[in-house]
Amino acid sequence: MASKVAAEGRQAFLSNWKNIPTAERALHIIGEAATKLSDETTARYPDVPWRQIRRLRTLITHEYHKVDHEALWETLEKSVPTLVRTIREGPQASPPSG
């Protein structure tokens, strides 16, 4: 979904009213899935901003009137592809110590 939206461009995304709730739903699902992950799993992906992902889900769910559509676009264009690439590459061999 993110790659399709990004291919259409920022202006197309912002000008089509259907894109906003679709994007919000996709990000909500990603955030909800992130809340279900164990600490062990998230530790194996230390470069993923799990806390921000969870916070975005909370914002979309409970403070939807505060969602910035430009920021939503930026998230879809940049952050989601990075997240997908990181997950596809697989976890680190072992959680970082510390």
Foldseek 3Di string as FASTA:
>chain_A
DLVVLVVVPDVVQVVDPVNVVVLLVVLLVVLVVLVPDDPQVCLQQVVQPNVVSVVSNCCCPPVVVPDDVVVSNVCSHPVVVVVVVSVVVPGHPGGDDD
